[in-house]
């Protein structure tokens, strides 16, 4: 749910920024589409990095420590 809401917020805010950039011109919807697509790409790139970075590492079996034999 959190990922979906973050994605929706990213699309809306990116689209709004694209609309504000050239409001009143004929290419405003192209800017909205490009800004939304760019926002989605950046969103998933950051999400993939965070998943990779904080994914639990596979534990390697530690070699048995030598016991002190007398």
C-alpha atoms as a PDB file:
ATOM      1  CA  UNK A   1       0.000   0.000   0.000  1.00  0.00           C
ATOM      2  CA  UNK A   2       2.818   2.393   0.868  1.00  0.00           C
ATOM      3  CA  UNK A   3       4.596   1.768  -2.443  1.00  0.00           C
ATOM      4  CA  UNK A   4       1.376   2.332  -4.392  1.00  0.00           C
ATOM      5  CA  UNK A   5       0.620   5.592  -2.586  1.00  0.00           C
ATOM      6  CA  UNK A   6       4.188   6.771  -3.102  1.00  0.00           C
ATOM      7  CA  UNK A   7       3.942   5.981  -6.795  1.00  0.00           C
ATOM      8  CA  UNK A   8       0.647   7.850  -7.150  1.00  0.00           C
ATOM      9  CA  UNK A   9       2.077  10.862  -5.319  1.00  0.00           C
ATOM     10  CA  UNK A  10       5.151  10.795  -7.555  1.00  0.00           C
ATOM     11  CA  UNK A  11       3.037  10.721 -10.718  1.00  0.00           C
ATOM     12  CA  UNK A  12       0.771  13.537  -9.529  1.00  0.00           C
ATOM     13  CA  UNK A  13       3.597  15.792  -8.363  1.00  0.00           C
ATOM     14  CA  UNK A  14       5.713  15.129 -11.461  1.00  0.00           C
ATOM     15  CA  UNK A  15       2.740  15.856 -13.703  1.00  0.00           C
ATOM     16  CA  UNK A  16       2.019  19.063 -11.809  1.00  0.00           C
ATOM     17  CA  UNK A  17       5.617  20.197 -12.224  1.00  0.00           C
ATOM     18  CA  UNK A  18       5.434  19.415 -15.944  1.00  0.00           C
ATOM     19  CA  UNK A  19       2.196  21.390 -16.224  1.00  0.00           C
ATOM     20  CA  UNK A  20       3.587  24.421 -14.425  1.00  0.00           C
ATOM     21  CA  UNK A  21       6.695  24.460 -16.621  1.00  0.00           C
ATOM     22  CA  UNK A  22       4.893  25.503 -19.830  1.00  0.00           C
ATOM     23  CA  UNK A  23       1.355  26.304 -18.731  1.00  0.00           C
ATOM     24  CA  UNK A  24      -0.638  27.882 -21.546  1.00  0.00           C
ATOM     25  CA  UNK A  25       1.425  26.486 -24.426  1.00  0.00           C
ATOM     26  CA  UNK A  26       0.568  23.747 -26.873  1.00  0.00           C
ATOM     27  CA  UNK A  27       3.230  21.362 -25.500  1.00  0.00           C
ATOM     28  CA  UNK A  28       1.997  21.393 -21.924  1.00  0.00           C
ATOM     29  CA  UNK A  29       0.597  17.827 -22.096  1.00  0.00           C
ATOM     30  CA  UNK A  30       3.824  16.530 -23.588  1.00  0.00           C
ATOM     31  CA  UNK A  31       5.679  18.034 -20.637  1.00  0.00           C
ATOM     32  CA  UNK A  32       3.184  16.488 -18.212  1.00  0.00           C
ATOM     33  CA  UNK A  33       3.652  13.051 -19.775  1.00  0.00           C
ATOM     34  CA  UNK A  34       7.442  13.309 -19.857  1.00  0.00           C
ATOM     35  CA  UNK A  35       7.607  14.548 -16.278  1.00  0.00           C
ATOM     36  CA  UNK A  36       5.322  11.744 -15.041  1.00  0.00           C
ATOM     37  CA  UNK A  37       7.326   9.080 -16.898  1.00  0.00           C
ATOM     38  CA  UNK A  38      10.591  10.508 -15.598  1.00  0.00           C
ATOM     39  CA  UNK A  39       9.208  10.552 -12.065  1.00  0.00           C
ATOM     40  CA  UNK A  40       8.163   6.909 -12.315  1.00  0.00           C
ATOM     41  CA  UNK A  41      11.590   5.890 -13.626  1.00  0.00           C
ATOM     42  CA  UNK A  42      13.358   7.717 -10.809  1.00  0.00           C
ATOM     43  CA  UNK A  43      10.903   6.290  -8.250  1.00  0.00           C
ATOM     44  CA  UNK A  44      11.575   2.696  -9.318  1.00  0.00           C
ATOM     45  CA  UNK A  45      15.325   3.289  -9.552  1.00  0.00           C
ATOM     46  CA  UNK A  46      15.403   4.519  -5.950  1.00  0.00           C
ATOM     47  CA  UNK A  47      13.111   1.677  -4.827  1.00  0.00           C
ATOM     48  CA  UNK A  48      15.323  -0.928  -6.514  1.00  0.00           C
ATOM     49  CA  UNK A  49      18.427   0.572  -4.898  1.00  0.00           C
ATOM     50  CA  UNK A  50      16.828   0.527  -1.446  1.00  0.00           C
ATOM     51  CA  UNK A  51      15.670  -3.074  -1.857  1.00  0.00           C
ATOM     52  CA  UNK A  52      19.160  -4.092  -2.991  1.00  0.00           C
ATOM     53  CA  UNK A  53      20.886  -2.107  -0.235  1.00  0.00           C
ATOM     54  CA  UNK A  54      18.782  -3.334   2.672  1.00  0.00           C
ATOM     55  CA  UNK A  55      18.124  -6.885   1.530  1.00  0.00           C
ATOM     56  CA  UNK A  56      19.329  -9.369   4.143  1.00  0.00           C
ATOM     57  CA  UNK A  57      22.663 -10.819   3.178  1.00  0.00           C
ATOM     58  CA  UNK A  58      23.022 -14.538   2.857  1.00  0.00           C
ATOM     59  CA  UNK A  59      24.845 -15.771   5.884  1.00  0.00           C
ATOM     60  CA  UNK A  60      27.920 -17.797   5.227  1.00  0.00           C
ATOM     61  CA  UNK A  61      28.571 -20.685   7.487  1.00  0.00           C
ATOM     62  CA  UNK A  62      31.430 -19.767   9.740  1.00  0.00           C
ATOM     63  CA  UNK A  63      34.311 -22.170   9.858  1.00  0.00           C
ATOM     64  CA  UNK A  64      34.379 -24.016  13.142  1.00  0.00           C
ATOM     65  CA  UNK A  65      36.736 -22.294  15.495  1.00  0.00           C
ATOM     66  CA  UNK A  66      39.653 -24.421  16.625  1.00  0.00           C
ATOM     67  CA  UNK A  67      39.254 -25.609  20.162  1.00  0.00           C
ATOM     68  CA  UNK A  68      42.091 -25.264  22.592  1.00  0.00           C
ATOM     69  CA  UNK A  69      43.241 -28.836  23.065  1.00  0.00           C
ATOM     70  CA  UNK A  70      46.004 -29.598  25.557  1.00  0.00           C
END
